[in-house]
C-alpha atoms as a PDB file:
ATOM      1  CA  UNK A   1      15.296  15.053   4.232  1.00  0.00           C
ATOM      2  CA  UNK A   2      17.185  15.257   0.716  1.00  0.00           C
ATOM      3  CA  UNK A   3      20.298  14.236   3.062  1.00  0.00           C
ATOM      4  CA  UNK A   4      18.134  10.921   3.783  1.00  0.00           C
ATOM      5  CA  UNK A   5      17.855  10.259   0.647  1.00  0.00           C
ATOM      6  CA  UNK A   6      21.267  10.782  -1.058  1.00  0.00           C
ATOM      7  CA  UNK A   7      22.569   8.347   1.594  1.00  0.00           C
ATOM      8  CA  UNK A   8      20.387   5.515   1.375  1.00  0.00           C
ATOM      9  CA  UNK A   9      20.799   5.838  -2.237  1.00  0.00           C
ATOM     10  CA  UNK A  10      24.932   4.956  -0.952  1.00  0.00           C
ATOM     11  CA  UNK A  11      23.845   2.229   0.854  1.00  0.00           C
ATOM     12  CA  UNK A  12      21.945   0.299  -1.459  1.00  0.00           C
ATOM     13  CA  UNK A  13      24.753   0.737  -4.033  1.00  0.00           C
ATOM     14  CA  UNK A  14      27.319  -0.124  -1.315  1.00  0.00           C
ATOM     15  CA  UNK A  15      24.406  -3.111  -0.199  1.00  0.00           C
ATOM     16  CA  UNK A  16      24.221  -4.374  -3.865  1.00  0.00           C
ATOM     17  CA  UNK A  17      28.316  -4.357  -4.495  1.00  0.00           C
ATOM     18  CA  UNK A  18      28.752  -6.198  -1.004  1.00  0.00           C
ATOM     19  CA  UNK A  19      25.427  -8.732  -1.911  1.00  0.00           C
ATOM     20  CA  UNK A  20      23.647  -7.949   0.540  1.00  0.00           C
ATOM     21  CA  UNK A  21      19.754  -8.967  -0.957  1.00  0.00           C
ATOM     22  CA  UNK A  22      17.439  -8.523   2.115  1.00  0.00           C
ATOM     23  CA  UNK A  23      19.350  -5.318   2.953  1.00  0.00           C
ATOM     24  CA  UNK A  24      19.105  -4.132  -0.297  1.00  0.00           C
ATOM     25  CA  UNK A  25      15.442  -5.021  -0.498  1.00  0.00           C
ATOM     26  CA  UNK A  26      14.999  -3.036   3.169  1.00  0.00           C
ATOM     27  CA  UNK A  27      16.728   0.289   2.369  1.00  0.00           C
ATOM     28  CA  UNK A  28      14.912   0.638  -1.464  1.00  0.00           C
ATOM     29  CA  UNK A  29      11.544   0.438   1.058  1.00  0.00           C
ATOM     30  CA  UNK A  30      12.853   2.925   2.624  1.00  0.00           C
ATOM     31  CA  UNK A  31      14.256   5.168  -0.335  1.00  0.00           C
ATOM     32  CA  UNK A  32      10.790   4.826  -1.182  1.00  0.00           C
ATOM     33  CA  UNK A  33       9.312   5.922   1.182  1.00  0.00           C
ATOM     34  CA  UNK A  34      12.004   9.206   1.609  1.00  0.00           C
ATOM     35  CA  UNK A  35      11.117  10.385  -1.791  1.00  0.00           C
ATOM     36  CA  UNK A  36       7.087  10.063  -0.915  1.00  0.00           C
ATOM     37  CA  UNK A  37       7.998  12.121   1.764  1.00  0.00           C
ATOM     38  CA  UNK A  38       9.885  14.848  -0.554  1.00  0.00           C
ATOM     39  CA  UNK A  39       6.846  14.462  -2.979  1.00  0.00           C
ATOM     40  CA  UNK A  40       4.803  15.504  -0.181  1.00  0.00           C
ATOM     41  CA  UNK A  41       6.804  18.584   1.662  1.00  0.00           C
ATOM     42  CA  UNK A  42       7.478  20.035  -2.073  1.00  0.00           C
ATOM     43  CA  UNK A  43       3.420  20.155  -2.063  1.00  0.00           C
ATOM     44  CA  UNK A  44       3.490  21.811   0.743  1.00  0.00           C
ATOM     45  CA  UNK A  45       6.088  24.671   0.164  1.00  0.00           C
ATOM     46  CA  UNK A  46       4.275  24.956  -3.269  1.00  0.00           C
ATOM     47  CA  UNK A  47       1.566  27.003  -1.721  1.00  0.00           C
ATOM     48  CA  UNK A  48      -1.402  24.791  -0.935  1.00  0.00           C
ATOM     49  CA  UNK A  49      -4.074  26.860   0.614  1.00  0.00           C
ATOM     50  CA  UNK A  50      -5.869  25.933   3.829  1.00  0.00           C
ATOM     51  CA  UNK A  51      -9.609  25.202   3.348  1.00  0.00           C
ATOM     52  CA  UNK A  52     -11.992  26.278   6.069  1.00  0.00           C
ATOM     53  CA  UNK A  53     -14.325  23.405   6.838  1.00  0.00           C
ATOM     54  CA  UNK A  54     -16.118  25.814   9.586  1.00  0.00           C
ATOM     55  CA  UNK A  55     -17.235  24.988  12.626  1.00  0.00           C
ATOM     56  CA  UNK A  56     -19.017  21.775  13.690  1.00  0.00           C
ATOM     57  CA  UNK A  57     -22.553  22.361  15.062  1.00  0.00           C
ATOM     58  CA  UNK A  58     -23.823  19.920  17.574  1.00  0.00           C
ATOM     59  CA  UNK A  59     -27.763  19.639  17.296  1.00  0.00           C
ATOM     60  CA  UNK A  60     -29.019  19.440  20.472  1.00  0.00           C
ATOM     61  CA  UNK A  61     -30.723  15.814  21.694  1.00  0.00           C
ATOM     62  CA  UNK A  62     -34.624  15.089  20.626  1.00  0.00           C
ATOM     63  CA  UNK A  63     -35.944  12.168  22.497  1.00  0.00           C
ATOM     64  CA  UNK A  64     -38.937  10.473  20.787  1.00  0.00           C
ATOM     65  CA  UNK A  65     -42.005   8.875  22.306  1.00  0.00           C
ATOM     66  CA  UNK A  66     -40.605   5.439  21.960  1.00  0.00           C
ATOM     67  CA  UNK A  67     -37.566   6.262  24.055  1.00  0.00           C
ATOM     68  CA  UNK A  68     -39.537   8.846  26.622  1.00  0.00           C
ATOM     69  CA  UNK A  69     -41.426   5.352  26.999  1.00  0.00           C
ATOM     70  CA  UNK A  70     -38.937   2.895  27.335  1.00  0.00           C
ATOM     71  CA  UNK A  71     -37.085   5.653  29.904  1.00  0.00           C
ATOM     72  CA  UNK A  72     -40.432   5.397  32.118  1.00  0.00           C
ATOM     73  CA  UNK A  73     -41.224   1.546  31.782  1.00  0.00           C
ATOM     74  CA  UNK A  74     -37.128   1.165  33.159  1.00  0.00           C
ATOM     75  CA  UNK A  75     -37.494   3.469  35.718  1.00  0.00           C
ATOM     76  CA  UNK A  76     -40.963   1.548  37.022  1.00  0.00           C
ATOM     77  CA  UNK A  77     -38.786  -1.400  36.643  1.00  0.00           C
ATOM     78  CA  UNK A  78     -35.778  -0.022  38.965  1.00  0.00           C
ATOM     79  CA  UNK A  79     -37.797   0.853  41.372  1.00  0.00           C
ATOM     80  CA  UNK A  80     -39.885  -2.133  42.160  1.00  0.00           C
END
């Protein structure tokens, strides 16, 4: 990633020398992304710790009286 960043810096200098303004802007955006990625990589390498979130629990389905009544009514309608 550092090589990519260094290459982008060199390409920006070349584009500025040549007057390629659109190219310069695009390369600066890419450079900002590469530098951001390097920061994130450095943070990870600096010994970040994992956080145990535990296992998710799925509660069993519980029907309410309204749902049971609606299901019964739908069943009766389907039979007719």
